[in-house]
Amino acid sequence: MKKTKTSSRNNVYFDIWSITHLVVGIIFGWLMSPVVALVILVLWEPLEIFVLSPLLGRVGIIFGFETLRNSLSDIVFDVIGVFLGAYVLGSLITPSFHLF
């Protein structure tokens, strides 16, 4: 029986998902209260690692397979994004609606 190589956990500070976290943070920070946006984005990380990753891993999908280092850096990009969305973009363009 041939062994397949298992993927190692994502352990980098910056990857393509960092940009995604930054952009989502900007959008959330612009469209909702910064506190609500941060709560949602910070709570996403444990949901991703402890719930979604194991469930998707059972069907062969590698998602959220990351170390604490990568997870914490994602949160840093979320915080930067929320700040940019709420205070920089929000001061330039007022959104036509707020979600929360």
PDB file of N, CA and C in Angstrom:
ATOM      1  N   MET A   1       0.837  -1.171   0.000  1.00  0.00           N
ATOM      2  CA  MET A   1       0.000   0.000   0.000  1.00  0.00           C
ATOM      3  C   MET A   1       0.888   1.243   0.000  1.00  0.00           C
ATOM      4  N   LYS A   2       0.603   2.178  -0.891  1.00  0.00           N
ATOM      5  CA  LYS A   2       1.402   3.380  -1.030  1.00  0.00           C
ATOM      6  C   LYS A   2       0.968   4.419   0.006  1.00  0.00           C
ATOM      7  N   LYS A   3       1.959   4.991   0.694  1.00  0.00           N
ATOM      8  CA  LYS A   3       1.666   6.047   1.654  1.00  0.00           C
ATOM      9  C   LYS A   3       1.592   7.376   0.930  1.00  0.00           C
ATOM     10  N   THR A   4       0.638   8.194   1.349  1.00  0.00           N
ATOM     11  CA  THR A   4       0.542   9.533   0.783  1.00  0.00           C
ATOM     12  C   THR A   4       1.132  10.525   1.762  1.00  0.00           C
ATOM     13  N   LYS A   5       1.725  11.556   1.239  1.00  0.00           N
ATOM     14  CA  LYS A   5       2.325  12.584   2.079  1.00  0.00           C
ATOM     15  C   LYS A   5       1.213  13.415   2.716  1.00  0.00           C
ATOM     16  N   THR A   6       1.282  13.569   4.017  1.00  0.00           N
ATOM     17  CA  THR A   6       0.301  14.416   4.690  1.00  0.00           C
ATOM     18  C   THR A   6       0.800  15.849   4.669  1.00  0.00           C
ATOM     19  N   SER A   7      -0.116  16.757   4.568  1.00  0.00           N
ATOM     20  CA  SER A   7       0.236  18.171   4.545  1.00  0.00           C
ATOM     21  C   SER A   7       0.639  18.631   5.928  1.00  0.00           C
ATOM     22  N   SER A   8       1.616  19.501   5.968  1.00  0.00           N
ATOM     23  CA  SER A   8       2.000  20.071   7.254  1.00  0.00           C
ATOM     24  C   SER A   8       1.142  21.301   7.520  1.00  0.00           C
ATOM     25  N   ARG A   9       1.032  21.622   8.782  1.00  0.00           N
ATOM     26  CA  ARG A   9       0.225  22.778   9.159  1.00  0.00           C
ATOM     27  C   ARG A   9       0.859  24.065   8.639  1.00  0.00           C
ATOM     28  N   ASN A  10       0.006  25.007   8.287  1.00  0.00           N
ATOM     29  CA  ASN A  10       0.456  26.312   7.828  1.00  0.00           C
ATOM     30  C   ASN A  10       1.055  27.051   9.026  1.00  0.00           C
ATOM     31  N   ASN A  11       2.336  27.377   8.961  1.00  0.00           N
ATOM     32  CA  ASN A  11       3.040  27.967  10.089  1.00  0.00           C
ATOM     33  C   ASN A  11       3.668  29.311   9.738  1.00  0.00           C
ATOM     34  N   VAL A  12       3.196  29.964   8.685  1.00  0.00           N
ATOM     35  CA  VAL A  12       3.800  31.224   8.257  1.00  0.00           C
ATOM     36  C   VAL A  12       3.014  32.419   8.793  1.00  0.00           C
ATOM     37  N   TYR A  13       3.708  33.542   8.899  1.00  0.00           N
ATOM     38  CA  TYR A  13       3.040  34.769   9.348  1.00  0.00           C
ATOM     39  C   TYR A  13       2.196  35.394   8.246  1.00  0.00           C
ATOM     40  N   PHE A  14       2.630  35.259   7.004  1.00  0.00           N
ATOM     41  CA  PHE A  14       1.937  35.892   5.880  1.00  0.00           C
ATOM     42  C   PHE A  14       1.742  34.882   4.762  1.00  0.00           C
ATOM     43  N   ASP A  15       0.508  34.806   4.269  1.00  0.00           N
ATOM     44  CA  ASP A  15       0.190  33.986   3.110  1.00  0.00           C
ATOM     45  C   ASP A  15      -0.984  34.636   2.386  1.00  0.00           C
ATOM     46  N   ILE A  16      -1.516  33.984   1.390  1.00  0.00           N
ATOM     47  CA  ILE A  16      -2.628  34.556   0.621  1.00  0.00           C
ATOM     48  C   ILE A  16      -3.847  34.805   1.512  1.00  0.00           C
ATOM     49  N   TRP A  17      -4.015  33.994   2.540  1.00  0.00           N
ATOM     50  CA  TRP A  17      -5.157  34.179   3.440  1.00  0.00           C
ATOM     51  C   TRP A  17      -4.999  35.423   4.294  1.00  0.00           C
ATOM     52  N   SER A  18      -3.792  35.905   4.468  1.00  0.00           N
ATOM     53  CA  SER A  18      -3.573  37.152   5.210  1.00  0.00           C
ATOM     54  C   SER A  18      -4.238  38.318   4.479  1.00  0.00           C
ATOM     55  N   ILE A  19      -4.119  38.328   3.157  1.00  0.00           N
ATOM     56  CA  ILE A  19      -4.758  39.366   2.357  1.00  0.00           C
ATOM     57  C   ILE A  19      -6.271  39.255   2.481  1.00  0.00           C
ATOM     58  N   THR A  20      -6.778  38.035   2.460  1.00  0.00           N
ATOM     59  CA  THR A  20      -8.214  37.817   2.622  1.00  0.00           C
ATOM     60  C   THR A  20      -8.688  38.334   3.971  1.00  0.00           C
ATOM     61  N   HIS A  21      -7.942  38.028   5.034  1.00  0.00           N
ATOM     62  CA  HIS A  21      -8.309  38.521   6.357  1.00  0.00           C
ATOM     63  C   HIS A  21      -8.289  40.045   6.405  1.00  0.00           C
ATOM     64  N   LEU A  22      -7.314  40.667   5.786  1.00  0.00           N
ATOM     65  CA  LEU A  22      -7.224  42.119   5.754  1.00  0.00           C
ATOM     66  C   LEU A  22      -8.429  42.729   5.032  1.00  0.00           C
ATOM     67  N   VAL A  23      -8.762  42.204   3.861  1.00  0.00           N
ATOM     68  CA  VAL A  23      -9.878  42.739   3.065  1.00  0.00           C
ATOM     69  C   VAL A  23     -11.213  42.521   3.775  1.00  0.00           C
ATOM     70  N   VAL A  24     -11.417  41.328   4.320  1.00  0.00           N
ATOM     71  CA  VAL A  24     -12.663  41.068   5.062  1.00  0.00           C
ATOM     72  C   VAL A  24     -12.742  41.973   6.285  1.00  0.00           C
ATOM     73  N   GLY A  25     -11.617  42.201   6.960  1.00  0.00           N
ATOM     74  CA  GLY A  25     -11.592  43.118   8.088  1.00  0.00           C
ATOM     75  C   GLY A  25     -11.979  44.531   7.684  1.00  0.00           C
ATOM     76  N   ILE A  26     -11.475  44.987   6.540  1.00  0.00           N
ATOM     77  CA  ILE A  26     -11.833  46.325   6.041  1.00  0.00           C
ATOM     78  C   ILE A  26     -13.333  46.410   5.782  1.00  0.00           C
ATOM     79  N   ILE A  27     -13.872  45.411   5.108  1.00  0.00           N
ATOM     80  CA  ILE A  27     -15.308  45.415   4.789  1.00  0.00           C
ATOM     81  C   ILE A  27     -16.147  45.356   6.060  1.00  0.00           C
ATOM     82  N   PHE A  28     -15.813  44.438   6.960  1.00  0.00           N
ATOM     83  CA  PHE A  28     -16.572  44.321   8.211  1.00  0.00           C
ATOM     84  C   PHE A  28     -16.453  45.594   9.037  1.00  0.00           C
ATOM     85  N   GLY A  29     -15.254  46.157   9.144  1.00  0.00           N
ATOM     86  CA  GLY A  29     -15.055  47.372   9.915  1.00  0.00           C
ATOM     87  C   GLY A  29     -15.797  48.554   9.343  1.00  0.00           C
ATOM     88  N   TRP A  30     -15.959  48.569   8.049  1.00  0.00           N
ATOM     89  CA  TRP A  30     -16.664  49.663   7.379  1.00  0.00           C
ATOM     90  C   TRP A  30     -18.172  49.530   7.539  1.00  0.00           C
ATOM     91  N   LEU A  31     -18.678  48.286   7.512  1.00  0.00           N
ATOM     92  CA  LEU A  31     -20.121  48.066   7.504  1.00  0.00           C
ATOM     93  C   LEU A  31     -20.744  47.770   8.861  1.00  0.00           C
ATOM     94  N   MET A  32     -19.938  47.614   9.915  1.00  0.00           N
ATOM     95  CA  MET A  32     -20.508  47.325  11.230  1.00  0.00           C
ATOM     96  C   MET A  32     -19.646  47.945  12.315  1.00  0.00           C
ATOM     97  N   SER A  33     -20.146  47.889  13.502  1.00  0.00           N
ATOM     98  CA  SER A  33     -19.394  48.390  14.644  1.00  0.00           C
ATOM     99  C   SER A  33     -18.046  47.674  14.707  1.00  0.00           C
ATOM    100  N   PRO A  34     -16.952  48.393  14.955  1.00  0.00           N
ATOM    101  CA  PRO A  34     -15.648  47.748  15.024  1.00  0.00           C
ATOM    102  C   PRO A  34     -15.584  46.639  16.084  1.00  0.00           C
ATOM    103  N   VAL A  35     -16.284  46.827  17.184  1.00  0.00           N
ATOM    104  CA  VAL A  35     -16.273  45.801  18.236  1.00  0.00           C
ATOM    105  C   VAL A  35     -16.947  44.526  17.736  1.00  0.00           C
ATOM    106  N   VAL A  36     -18.093  44.658  17.106  1.00  0.00           N
ATOM    107  CA  VAL A  36     -18.807  43.499  16.566  1.00  0.00           C
ATOM    108  C   VAL A  36     -17.967  42.824  15.489  1.00  0.00           C
ATOM    109  N   ALA A  37     -17.362  43.617  14.621  1.00  0.00           N
ATOM    110  CA  ALA A  37     -16.525  43.064  13.555  1.00  0.00           C
ATOM    111  C   ALA A  37     -15.364  42.263  14.144  1.00  0.00           C
ATOM    112  N   LEU A  38     -14.712  42.821  15.153  1.00  0.00           N
ATOM    113  CA  LEU A  38     -13.586  42.113  15.770  1.00  0.00           C
ATOM    114  C   LEU A  38     -14.025  40.834  16.466  1.00  0.00           C
ATOM    115  N   VAL A  39     -15.155  40.871  17.144  1.00  0.00           N
ATOM    116  CA  VAL A  39     -15.649  39.665  17.819  1.00  0.00           C
ATOM    117  C   VAL A  39     -15.906  38.564  16.792  1.00  0.00           C
ATOM    118  N   ILE A  40     -16.570  38.900  15.710  1.00  0.00           N
ATOM    119  CA  ILE A  40     -16.865  37.904  14.675  1.00  0.00           C
ATOM    120  C   ILE A  40     -15.576  37.341  14.087  1.00  0.00           C
ATOM    121  N   LEU A  41     -14.642  38.219  13.743  1.00  0.00           N
ATOM    122  CA  LEU A  41     -13.414  37.771  13.080  1.00  0.00           C
ATOM    123  C   LEU A  41     -12.494  36.995  14.014  1.00  0.00           C
ATOM    124  N   VAL A  42     -12.438  37.390  15.272  1.00  0.00           N
ATOM    125  CA  VAL A  42     -11.588  36.657  16.218  1.00  0.00           C
ATOM    126  C   VAL A  42     -12.200  35.297  16.538  1.00  0.00           C
ATOM    127  N   LEU A  43     -13.516  35.234  16.663  1.00  0.00           N
ATOM    128  CA  LEU A  43     -14.169  33.949  16.934  1.00  0.00           C
ATOM    129  C   LEU A  43     -14.102  32.999  15.737  1.00  0.00           C
ATOM    130  N   TRP A  44     -13.889  33.550  14.550  1.00  0.00           N
ATOM    131  CA  TRP A  44     -13.764  32.715  13.357  1.00  0.00           C
ATOM    132  C   TRP A  44     -12.581  31.758  13.474  1.00  0.00           C
ATOM    133  N   GLU A  45     -11.476  32.215  14.041  1.00  0.00           N
ATOM    134  CA  GLU A  45     -10.261  31.397  14.084  1.00  0.00           C
ATOM    135  C   GLU A  45     -10.446  30.074  14.835  1.00  0.00           C
ATOM    136  N   PRO A  46     -10.973  30.066  16.063  1.00  0.00           N
ATOM    137  CA  PRO A  46     -11.179  28.759  16.706  1.00  0.00           C
ATOM    138  C   PRO A  46     -12.229  27.905  15.987  1.00  0.00           C
ATOM    139  N   LEU A  47     -13.247  28.550  15.417  1.00  0.00           N
ATOM    140  CA  LEU A  47     -14.243  27.799  14.651  1.00  0.00           C
ATOM    141  C   LEU A  47     -13.576  27.121  13.460  1.00  0.00           C
ATOM    142  N   GLU A  48     -12.712  27.858  12.794  1.00  0.00           N
ATOM    143  CA  GLU A  48     -12.003  27.327  11.626  1.00  0.00           C
ATOM    144  C   GLU A  48     -11.104  26.149  12.008  1.00  0.00           C
ATOM    145  N   ILE A  49     -10.347  26.302  13.079  1.00  0.00           N
ATOM    146  CA  ILE A  49      -9.358  25.293  13.456  1.00  0.00           C
ATOM    147  C   ILE A  49      -9.982  24.076  14.141  1.00  0.00           C
ATOM    148  N   PHE A  50     -10.899  24.320  15.069  1.00  0.00           N
ATOM    149  CA  PHE A  50     -11.404  23.228  15.905  1.00  0.00           C
ATOM    150  C   PHE A  50     -12.690  22.578  15.394  1.00  0.00           C
ATOM    151  N   VAL A  51     -13.417  23.250  14.505  1.00  0.00           N
ATOM    152  CA  VAL A  51     -14.675  22.680  14.015  1.00  0.00           C
ATOM    153  C   VAL A  51     -14.601  22.377  12.515  1.00  0.00           C
ATOM    154  N   LEU A  52     -14.376  23.420  11.714  1.00  0.00           N
ATOM    155  CA  LEU A  52     -14.415  23.235  10.261  1.00  0.00           C
ATOM    156  C   LEU A  52     -13.272  22.368   9.733  1.00  0.00           C
ATOM    157  N   SER A  53     -12.064  22.598  10.227  1.00  0.00           N
ATOM    158  CA  SER A  53     -10.921  21.828   9.742  1.00  0.00           C
ATOM    159  C   SER A  53     -11.096  20.323   9.962  1.00  0.00           C
ATOM    160  N   PRO A  54     -11.461  19.878  11.177  1.00  0.00           N
ATOM    161  CA  PRO A  54     -11.660  18.433  11.352  1.00  0.00           C
ATOM    162  C   PRO A  54     -12.815  17.867  10.524  1.00  0.00           C
ATOM    163  N   LEU A  55     -13.902  18.626  10.416  1.00  0.00           N
ATOM    164  CA  LEU A  55     -15.049  18.136   9.641  1.00  0.00           C
ATOM    165  C   LEU A  55     -14.702  18.009   8.159  1.00  0.00           C
ATOM    166  N   LEU A  56     -14.073  19.030   7.611  1.00  0.00           N
ATOM    167  CA  LEU A  56     -13.710  18.982   6.195  1.00  0.00           C
ATOM    168  C   LEU A  56     -12.585  17.991   5.939  1.00  0.00           C
ATOM    169  N   GLY A  57     -11.700  17.819   6.919  1.00  0.00           N
ATOM    170  CA  GLY A  57     -10.616  16.847   6.794  1.00  0.00           C
ATOM    171  C   GLY A  57     -11.122  15.426   6.649  1.00  0.00           C
ATOM    172  N   ARG A  58     -12.266  15.140   7.238  1.00  0.00           N
ATOM    173  CA  ARG A  58     -12.848  13.792   7.120  1.00  0.00           C
ATOM    174  C   ARG A  58     -13.242  13.438   5.697  1.00  0.00           C
ATOM    175  N   VAL A  59     -13.523  14.460   4.877  1.00  0.00           N
ATOM    176  CA  VAL A  59     -13.881  14.200   3.486  1.00  0.00           C
ATOM    177  C   VAL A  59     -12.754  14.580   2.523  1.00  0.00           C
ATOM    178  N   GLY A  60     -11.544  14.764   3.091  1.00  0.00           N
ATOM    179  CA  GLY A  60     -10.372  14.989   2.259  1.00  0.00           C
ATOM    180  C   GLY A  60     -10.100  16.426   1.875  1.00  0.00           C
ATOM    181  N   ILE A  61     -10.805  17.374   2.476  1.00  0.00           N
ATOM    182  CA  ILE A  61     -10.579  18.784   2.162  1.00  0.00           C
ATOM    183  C   ILE A  61      -9.688  19.385   3.245  1.00  0.00           C
ATOM    184  N   ILE A  62      -8.562  19.925   2.835  1.00  0.00           N
ATOM    185  CA  ILE A  62      -7.648  20.552   3.793  1.00  0.00           C
ATOM    186  C   ILE A  62      -8.021  22.019   3.896  1.00  0.00           C
ATOM    187  N   PHE A  63      -8.508  22.400   5.058  1.00  0.00           N
ATOM    188  CA  PHE A  63      -8.939  23.782   5.301  1.00  0.00           C
ATOM    189  C   PHE A  63      -8.671  24.107   6.761  1.00  0.00           C
ATOM    190  N   GLY A  64      -8.090  25.262   7.024  1.00  0.00           N
ATOM    191  CA  GLY A  64      -7.843  25.672   8.397  1.00  0.00           C
ATOM    192  C   GLY A  64      -6.806  24.826   9.100  1.00  0.00           C
ATOM    193  N   PHE A  65      -5.920  24.215   8.342  1.00  0.00           N
ATOM    194  CA  PHE A  65      -4.887  23.344   8.900  1.00  0.00           C
ATOM    195  C   PHE A  65      -3.674  24.216   9.189  1.00  0.00           C
ATOM    196  N   GLU A  66      -3.741  24.959  10.313  1.00  0.00           N
ATOM    197  CA  GLU A  66      -2.721  25.950  10.603  1.00  0.00           C
ATOM    198  C   GLU A  66      -2.273  25.890  12.053  1.00  0.00           C
ATOM    199  N   THR A  67      -1.134  26.491  12.308  1.00  0.00           N
ATOM    200  CA  THR A  67      -0.595  26.529  13.667  1.00  0.00           C
ATOM    201  C   THR A  67      -1.115  27.763  14.389  1.00  0.00           C
ATOM    202  N   LEU A  68      -0.819  27.840  15.667  1.00  0.00           N
ATOM    203  CA  LEU A  68      -1.199  28.999  16.461  1.00  0.00           C
ATOM    204  C   LEU A  68      -0.556  30.265  15.896  1.00  0.00           C
ATOM    205  N   ARG A  69       0.680  30.157  15.435  1.00  0.00           N
ATOM    206  CA  ARG A  69       1.370  31.318  14.842  1.00  0.00           C
ATOM    207  C   ARG A  69       0.569  31.896  13.682  1.00  0.00           C
ATOM    208  N   ASN A  70       0.148  31.056  12.762  1.00  0.00           N
ATOM    209  CA  ASN A  70      -0.608  31.523  11.613  1.00  0.00           C
ATOM    210  C   ASN A  70      -1.968  32.060  12.028  1.00  0.00           C
ATOM    211  N   SER A  71      -2.611  31.399  12.962  1.00  0.00           N
ATOM    212  CA  SER A  71      -3.916  31.849  13.434  1.00  0.00           C
ATOM    213  C   SER A  71      -3.825  33.229  14.081  1.00  0.00           C
ATOM    214  N   LEU A  72      -2.805  33.440  14.901  1.00  0.00           N
ATOM    215  CA  LEU A  72      -2.632  34.746  15.544  1.00  0.00           C
ATOM    216  C   LEU A  72      -2.283  35.828  14.536  1.00  0.00           C
ATOM    217  N   SER A  73      -1.508  35.485  13.522  1.00  0.00           N
ATOM    218  CA  SER A  73      -1.200  36.491  12.495  1.00  0.00           C
ATOM    219  C   SER A  73      -2.453  36.828  11.685  1.00  0.00           C
ATOM    220  N   ASP A  74      -3.338  35.852  11.474  1.00  0.00           N
ATOM    221  CA  ASP A  74      -4.620  36.135  10.809  1.00  0.00           C
ATOM    222  C   ASP A  74      -5.424  37.138  11.625  1.00  0.00           C
ATOM    223  N   ILE A  75      -5.412  36.987  12.939  1.00  0.00           N
ATOM    224  CA  ILE A  75      -6.139  37.910  13.811  1.00  0.00           C
ATOM    225  C   ILE A  75      -5.518  39.310  13.730  1.00  0.00           C
ATOM    226  N   VAL A  76      -4.199  39.386  13.641  1.00  0.00           N
ATOM    227  CA  VAL A  76      -3.539  40.694  13.498  1.00  0.00           C
ATOM    228  C   VAL A  76      -3.994  41.371  12.209  1.00  0.00           C
ATOM    229  N   PHE A  77      -4.062  40.611  11.109  1.00  0.00           N
ATOM    230  CA  PHE A  77      -4.536  41.183   9.844  1.00  0.00           C
ATOM    231  C   PHE A  77      -6.011  41.578   9.941  1.00  0.00           C
ATOM    232  N   ASP A  78      -6.810  40.814  10.687  1.00  0.00           N
ATOM    233  CA  ASP A  78      -8.205  41.189  10.924  1.00  0.00           C
ATOM    234  C   ASP A  78      -8.286  42.530  11.642  1.00  0.00           C
ATOM    235  N   VAL A  79      -7.487  42.689  12.692  1.00  0.00           N
ATOM    236  CA  VAL A  79      -7.500  43.929  13.487  1.00  0.00           C
ATOM    237  C   VAL A  79      -7.082  45.121  12.624  1.00  0.00           C
ATOM    238  N   ILE A  80      -6.026  44.951  11.848  1.00  0.00           N
ATOM    239  CA  ILE A  80      -5.583  46.029  10.951  1.00  0.00           C
ATOM    240  C   ILE A  80      -6.690  46.372   9.955  1.00  0.00           C
ATOM    241  N   GLY A  81      -7.321  45.341   9.399  1.00  0.00           N
ATOM    242  CA  GLY A  81      -8.396  45.566   8.438  1.00  0.00           C
ATOM    243  C   GLY A  81      -9.586  46.288   9.049  1.00  0.00           C
ATOM    244  N   VAL A  82      -9.989  45.880  10.239  1.00  0.00           N
ATOM    245  CA  VAL A  82     -11.118  46.545  10.905  1.00  0.00           C
ATOM    246  C   VAL A  82     -10.772  48.003  11.180  1.00  0.00           C
ATOM    247  N   PHE A  83      -9.552  48.267  11.631  1.00  0.00           N
ATOM    248  CA  PHE A  83      -9.123  49.649  11.871  1.00  0.00           C
ATOM    249  C   PHE A  83      -9.192  50.458  10.575  1.00  0.00           C
ATOM    250  N   LEU A  84      -8.645  49.907   9.497  1.00  0.00           N
ATOM    251  CA  LEU A  84      -8.665  50.619   8.212  1.00  0.00           C
ATOM    252  C   LEU A  84     -10.088  50.847   7.715  1.00  0.00           C
ATOM    253  N   GLY A  85     -10.942  49.837   7.870  1.00  0.00           N
ATOM    254  CA  GLY A  85     -12.315  49.966   7.401  1.00  0.00           C
ATOM    255  C   GLY A  85     -13.126  50.952   8.218  1.00  0.00           C
ATOM    256  N   ALA A  86     -12.997  50.865   9.536  1.00  0.00           N
ATOM    257  CA  ALA A  86     -13.817  51.703  10.412  1.00  0.00           C
ATOM    258  C   ALA A  86     -13.337  53.148  10.438  1.00  0.00           C
ATOM    259  N   TYR A  87     -12.049  53.339  10.521  1.00  0.00           N
ATOM    260  CA  TYR A  87     -11.540  54.685  10.768  1.00  0.00           C
ATOM    261  C   TYR A  87     -10.962  55.380   9.539  1.00  0.00           C
ATOM    262  N   VAL A  88     -10.374  54.641   8.630  1.00  0.00           N
ATOM    263  CA  VAL A  88      -9.820  55.276   7.435  1.00  0.00           C
ATOM    264  C   VAL A  88     -10.869  55.325   6.328  1.00  0.00           C
ATOM    265  N   LEU A  89     -11.336  54.159   5.906  1.00  0.00           N
ATOM    266  CA  LEU A  89     -12.346  54.134   4.848  1.00  0.00           C
ATOM    267  C   LEU A  89     -13.638  54.805   5.308  1.00  0.00           C
ATOM    268  N   GLY A  90     -14.013  54.559   6.585  1.00  0.00           N
ATOM    269  CA  GLY A  90     -15.230  55.174   7.122  1.00  0.00           C
ATOM    270  C   GLY A  90     -15.180  56.690   7.152  1.00  0.00           C
ATOM    271  N   SER A  91     -13.994  57.268   7.299  1.00  0.00           N
ATOM    272  CA  SER A  91     -13.885  58.730   7.291  1.00  0.00           C
ATOM    273  C   SER A  91     -13.909  59.291   5.868  1.00  0.00           C
ATOM    274  N   LEU A  92     -13.579  58.461   4.895  1.00  0.00           N
ATOM    275  CA  LEU A  92     -13.587  58.903   3.499  1.00  0.00           C
ATOM    276  C   LEU A  92     -14.936  58.689   2.825  1.00  0.00           C
ATOM    277  N   ILE A  93     -15.543  57.535   3.109  1.00  0.00           N
ATOM    278  CA  ILE A  93     -16.811  57.167   2.466  1.00  0.00           C
ATOM    279  C   ILE A  93     -17.746  56.625   3.532  1.00  0.00           C
ATOM    280  N   THR A  94     -18.886  57.226   3.680  1.00  0.00           N
ATOM    281  CA  THR A  94     -19.869  56.738   4.638  1.00  0.00           C
ATOM    282  C   THR A  94     -20.685  55.635   3.967  1.00  0.00           C
ATOM    283  N   PRO A  95     -20.747  54.460   4.596  1.00  0.00           N
ATOM    284  CA  PRO A  95     -21.547  53.390   3.972  1.00  0.00           C
ATOM    285  C   PRO A  95     -23.035  53.756   4.011  1.00  0.00           C
ATOM    286  N   SER A  96     -23.774  53.248   3.040  1.00  0.00           N
ATOM    287  CA  SER A  96     -25.202  53.566   2.975  1.00  0.00           C
ATOM    288  C   SER A  96     -26.018  52.776   3.992  1.00  0.00           C
ATOM    289  N   PHE A  97     -25.404  51.779   4.622  1.00  0.00           N
ATOM    290  CA  PHE A  97     -26.072  50.999   5.660  1.00  0.00           C
ATOM    291  C   PHE A  97     -25.038  50.403   6.601  1.00  0.00           C
ATOM    292  N   HIS A  98     -25.469  50.037   7.796  1.00  0.00           N
ATOM    293  CA  HIS A  98     -24.630  49.321   8.758  1.00  0.00           C
ATOM    294  C   HIS A  98     -25.318  48.014   9.108  1.00  0.00           C
ATOM    295  N   LEU A  99     -24.561  46.957   9.221  1.00  0.00           N
ATOM    296  CA  LEU A  99     -25.147  45.649   9.558  1.00  0.00           C
ATOM    297  C   LEU A  99     -25.443  45.525  11.039  1.00  0.00           C
ATOM    298  N   PHE A 100     -24.536  45.940  11.905  1.00  0.00           N
ATOM    299  CA  PHE A 100     -24.727  45.842  13.354  1.00  0.00           C
ATOM    300  C   PHE A 100     -24.237  47.109  13.991  1.00  0.00           C
TER     301      PHE A 100
END
